[in-house]
N, C-alpha and C. Protein backbone atom coordinates (compact mmCIF):
# COMPACT_ATOMS: atom_id res chain seq x y z
N MET A 1 0.85 -1.18 0.00
CA MET A 1 0.00 0.00 0.00
C MET A 1 0.89 1.24 0.00
N ALA A 2 0.63 2.17 -0.89
CA ALA A 2 1.42 3.39 -0.99
C ALA A 2 1.10 4.34 0.15
N ARG A 3 2.13 5.06 0.61
CA ARG A 3 1.91 6.05 1.66
C ARG A 3 1.24 7.28 1.07
N ARG A 4 0.35 7.86 1.86
CA ARG A 4 -0.30 9.09 1.43
C ARG A 4 0.65 10.25 1.63
N ARG A 5 0.59 11.19 0.74
CA ARG A 5 1.43 12.38 0.84
C ARG A 5 0.83 13.32 1.89
N SER A 6 1.68 13.84 2.76
CA SER A 6 1.24 14.72 3.83
C SER A 6 0.88 16.09 3.30
N ILE A 7 -0.11 16.73 3.91
CA ILE A 7 -0.46 18.09 3.52
C ILE A 7 0.38 19.11 4.29
N VAL A 8 1.14 18.64 5.26
CA VAL A 8 2.02 19.51 6.04
C VAL A 8 3.46 19.15 5.71
N SER A 9 4.27 20.14 5.46
CA SER A 9 5.66 19.86 5.11
C SER A 9 6.42 19.27 6.29
N ASP A 10 7.41 18.46 5.98
CA ASP A 10 8.25 17.87 7.02
C ASP A 10 9.00 18.95 7.79
N ALA A 11 9.34 20.04 7.12
CA ALA A 11 10.05 21.12 7.80
C ALA A 11 9.18 21.73 8.90
N VAL A 12 7.88 21.87 8.64
CA VAL A 12 6.96 22.40 9.65
C VAL A 12 6.83 21.40 10.80
N LYS A 13 6.69 20.13 10.48
CA LYS A 13 6.60 19.11 11.53
C LYS A 13 7.87 19.10 12.38
N TYR A 14 9.01 19.26 11.74
CA TYR A 14 10.28 19.29 12.45
C TYR A 14 10.36 20.50 13.39
N GLU A 15 9.87 21.64 12.93
CA GLU A 15 9.87 22.85 13.78
C GLU A 15 8.98 22.65 15.01
N ILE A 16 7.83 22.01 14.83
CA ILE A 16 6.95 21.72 15.96
C ILE A 16 7.66 20.77 16.93
N ALA A 17 8.32 19.75 16.40
CA ALA A 17 9.06 18.80 17.24
C ALA A 17 10.16 19.52 18.01
N LYS A 18 10.81 20.51 17.40
CA LYS A 18 11.83 21.29 18.10
C LYS A 18 11.19 22.05 19.26
N GLU A 19 10.03 22.65 19.02
CA GLU A 19 9.32 23.37 20.08
C GLU A 19 8.94 22.44 21.22
N LEU A 20 8.62 21.19 20.89
CA LEU A 20 8.20 20.23 21.90
C LEU A 20 9.37 19.48 22.55
N GLY A 21 10.57 19.65 21.99
CA GLY A 21 11.75 19.10 22.63
C GLY A 21 12.18 17.70 22.21
N PHE A 22 11.68 17.18 21.10
CA PHE A 22 12.13 15.86 20.67
C PHE A 22 12.60 15.81 19.22
N ALA A 23 12.99 16.95 18.68
CA ALA A 23 13.49 16.99 17.30
C ALA A 23 14.76 16.16 17.14
N ASP A 24 15.51 15.98 18.22
CA ASP A 24 16.74 15.19 18.14
C ASP A 24 16.47 13.73 17.78
N LYS A 25 15.23 13.26 17.95
CA LYS A 25 14.87 11.89 17.60
C LYS A 25 14.50 11.74 16.12
N ILE A 26 14.32 12.87 15.44
CA ILE A 26 13.95 12.85 14.03
C ILE A 26 15.21 13.02 13.21
N HIS A 27 15.52 12.00 12.43
CA HIS A 27 16.71 12.05 11.58
C HIS A 27 16.33 12.68 10.25
N HIS A 28 17.11 13.66 9.83
CA HIS A 28 16.83 14.26 8.53
C HIS A 28 18.12 14.51 7.78
N GLU A 29 18.00 14.30 6.49
CA GLU A 29 19.12 14.50 5.59
C GLU A 29 18.56 15.12 4.33
N GLY A 30 18.90 16.37 4.08
CA GLY A 30 18.33 17.07 2.92
C GLY A 30 16.84 17.24 3.10
N ASP A 31 16.07 16.73 2.16
CA ASP A 31 14.60 16.83 2.22
C ASP A 31 13.95 15.58 2.81
N SER A 32 14.77 14.65 3.30
CA SER A 32 14.25 13.39 3.82
C SER A 32 14.22 13.40 5.35
N TYR A 33 13.05 13.07 5.92
CA TYR A 33 12.87 13.04 7.37
C TYR A 33 12.42 11.65 7.78
N ASP A 34 12.99 11.14 8.88
CA ASP A 34 12.65 9.81 9.40
C ASP A 34 12.10 9.96 10.81
N TYR A 35 10.82 9.64 10.99
CA TYR A 35 10.15 9.78 12.27
C TYR A 35 10.08 8.46 13.04
N GLY A 36 10.85 7.46 12.60
CA GLY A 36 10.77 6.13 13.17
C GLY A 36 11.18 6.01 14.63
N ASN A 37 11.91 7.00 15.15
CA ASN A 37 12.38 6.91 16.53
C ASN A 37 11.53 7.67 17.54
N ILE A 38 10.46 8.33 17.08
CA ILE A 38 9.62 9.03 18.05
C ILE A 38 8.57 8.06 18.59
N THR A 39 8.13 8.32 19.81
CA THR A 39 7.12 7.46 20.43
C THR A 39 5.73 7.82 19.91
N THR A 40 4.79 6.97 20.19
CA THR A 40 3.40 7.22 19.82
C THR A 40 2.91 8.48 20.52
N ARG A 41 3.29 8.65 21.77
CA ARG A 41 2.89 9.84 22.52
C ARG A 41 3.45 11.10 21.85
N GLU A 42 4.72 11.06 21.44
CA GLU A 42 5.33 12.20 20.78
C GLU A 42 4.66 12.49 19.45
N ALA A 43 4.28 11.44 18.73
CA ALA A 43 3.56 11.63 17.46
C ALA A 43 2.23 12.33 17.72
N GLY A 44 1.55 11.93 18.78
CA GLY A 44 0.29 12.57 19.16
C GLY A 44 0.48 14.03 19.53
N LEU A 45 1.56 14.31 20.26
CA LEU A 45 1.86 15.69 20.63
C LEU A 45 2.19 16.52 19.39
N LEU A 46 2.85 15.90 18.43
CA LEU A 46 3.17 16.58 17.17
C LEU A 46 1.89 16.93 16.43
N VAL A 47 0.96 16.00 16.36
CA VAL A 47 -0.33 16.25 15.70
C VAL A 47 -1.07 17.37 16.43
N ARG A 48 -1.10 17.30 17.76
CA ARG A 48 -1.77 18.34 18.53
C ARG A 48 -1.14 19.71 18.26
N GLY A 49 0.20 19.75 18.22
CA GLY A 49 0.90 21.00 17.93
C GLY A 49 0.56 21.54 16.55
N LEU A 50 0.44 20.64 15.58
CA LEU A 50 0.07 21.06 14.22
C LEU A 50 -1.36 21.61 14.18
N ILE A 51 -2.25 20.98 14.91
CA ILE A 51 -3.64 21.45 14.97
C ILE A 51 -3.71 22.82 15.62
N GLU A 52 -2.98 23.00 16.73
CA GLU A 52 -2.97 24.29 17.40
C GLU A 52 -2.41 25.38 16.50
N LYS A 53 -1.34 25.07 15.76
CA LYS A 53 -0.75 26.03 14.84
C LYS A 53 -1.74 26.40 13.74
N ALA A 54 -2.46 25.41 13.21
CA ALA A 54 -3.45 25.66 12.16
C ALA A 54 -4.59 26.52 12.69
N GLU A 55 -5.07 26.21 13.90
CA GLU A 55 -6.14 27.01 14.50
C GLU A 55 -5.70 28.45 14.71
N GLU A 56 -4.45 28.62 15.14
CA GLU A 56 -3.91 29.96 15.35
C GLU A 56 -3.87 30.74 14.03
N LEU A 57 -3.40 30.09 12.98
CA LEU A 57 -3.34 30.74 11.67
C LEU A 57 -4.74 31.08 11.15
N LEU A 58 -5.68 30.16 11.34
CA LEU A 58 -7.05 30.39 10.87
C LEU A 58 -7.72 31.52 11.63
N SER A 59 -7.42 31.65 12.91
CA SER A 59 -8.06 32.70 13.72
C SER A 59 -7.64 34.08 13.23
N HIS A 60 -6.48 34.18 12.61
CA HIS A 60 -6.01 35.46 12.07
C HIS A 60 -6.60 35.75 10.70
N HIS A 61 -7.18 34.74 10.06
CA HIS A 61 -7.71 34.90 8.70
C HIS A 61 -9.23 34.85 8.63
N VAL A 62 -9.90 34.75 9.76
CA VAL A 62 -11.36 34.69 9.77
C VAL A 62 -11.88 36.11 9.52
N PRO A 63 -12.76 36.26 8.51
CA PRO A 63 -13.29 37.60 8.23
C PRO A 63 -14.12 38.12 9.39
N ASN A 64 -14.10 39.39 9.58
CA ASN A 64 -14.86 40.04 10.65
C ASN A 64 -16.34 40.03 10.28
N GLU A 65 -17.17 39.43 11.13
CA GLU A 65 -18.59 39.31 10.83
C GLU A 65 -19.31 40.64 10.91
N GLU A 66 -18.76 41.61 11.64
CA GLU A 66 -19.38 42.92 11.75
C GLU A 66 -19.36 43.68 10.43
N GLY A 67 -18.40 43.36 9.58
CA GLY A 67 -18.28 44.04 8.30
C GLY A 67 -19.33 43.61 7.28
N GLY A 68 -20.04 42.54 7.56
CA GLY A 68 -21.10 42.08 6.67
C GLY A 68 -20.61 41.27 5.48
N HIS A 69 -19.32 40.92 5.44
CA HIS A 69 -18.80 40.14 4.32
C HIS A 69 -18.42 38.79 4.76
């Protein structure tokens, strides 16, 4: 079964992992990232961090309802 392509870049995931303190477990060389050494808990924290980042970005782009548009 082929792997699905991620909608989030590995560089962004790596930055979140750095913020969470486990980027040292992610091996990367050039554009290739290997997440095989992170725990399931860390993977969950990474997903949560990505969701929080997306919500933060969306909150800045939500149109003002008072403007009527």
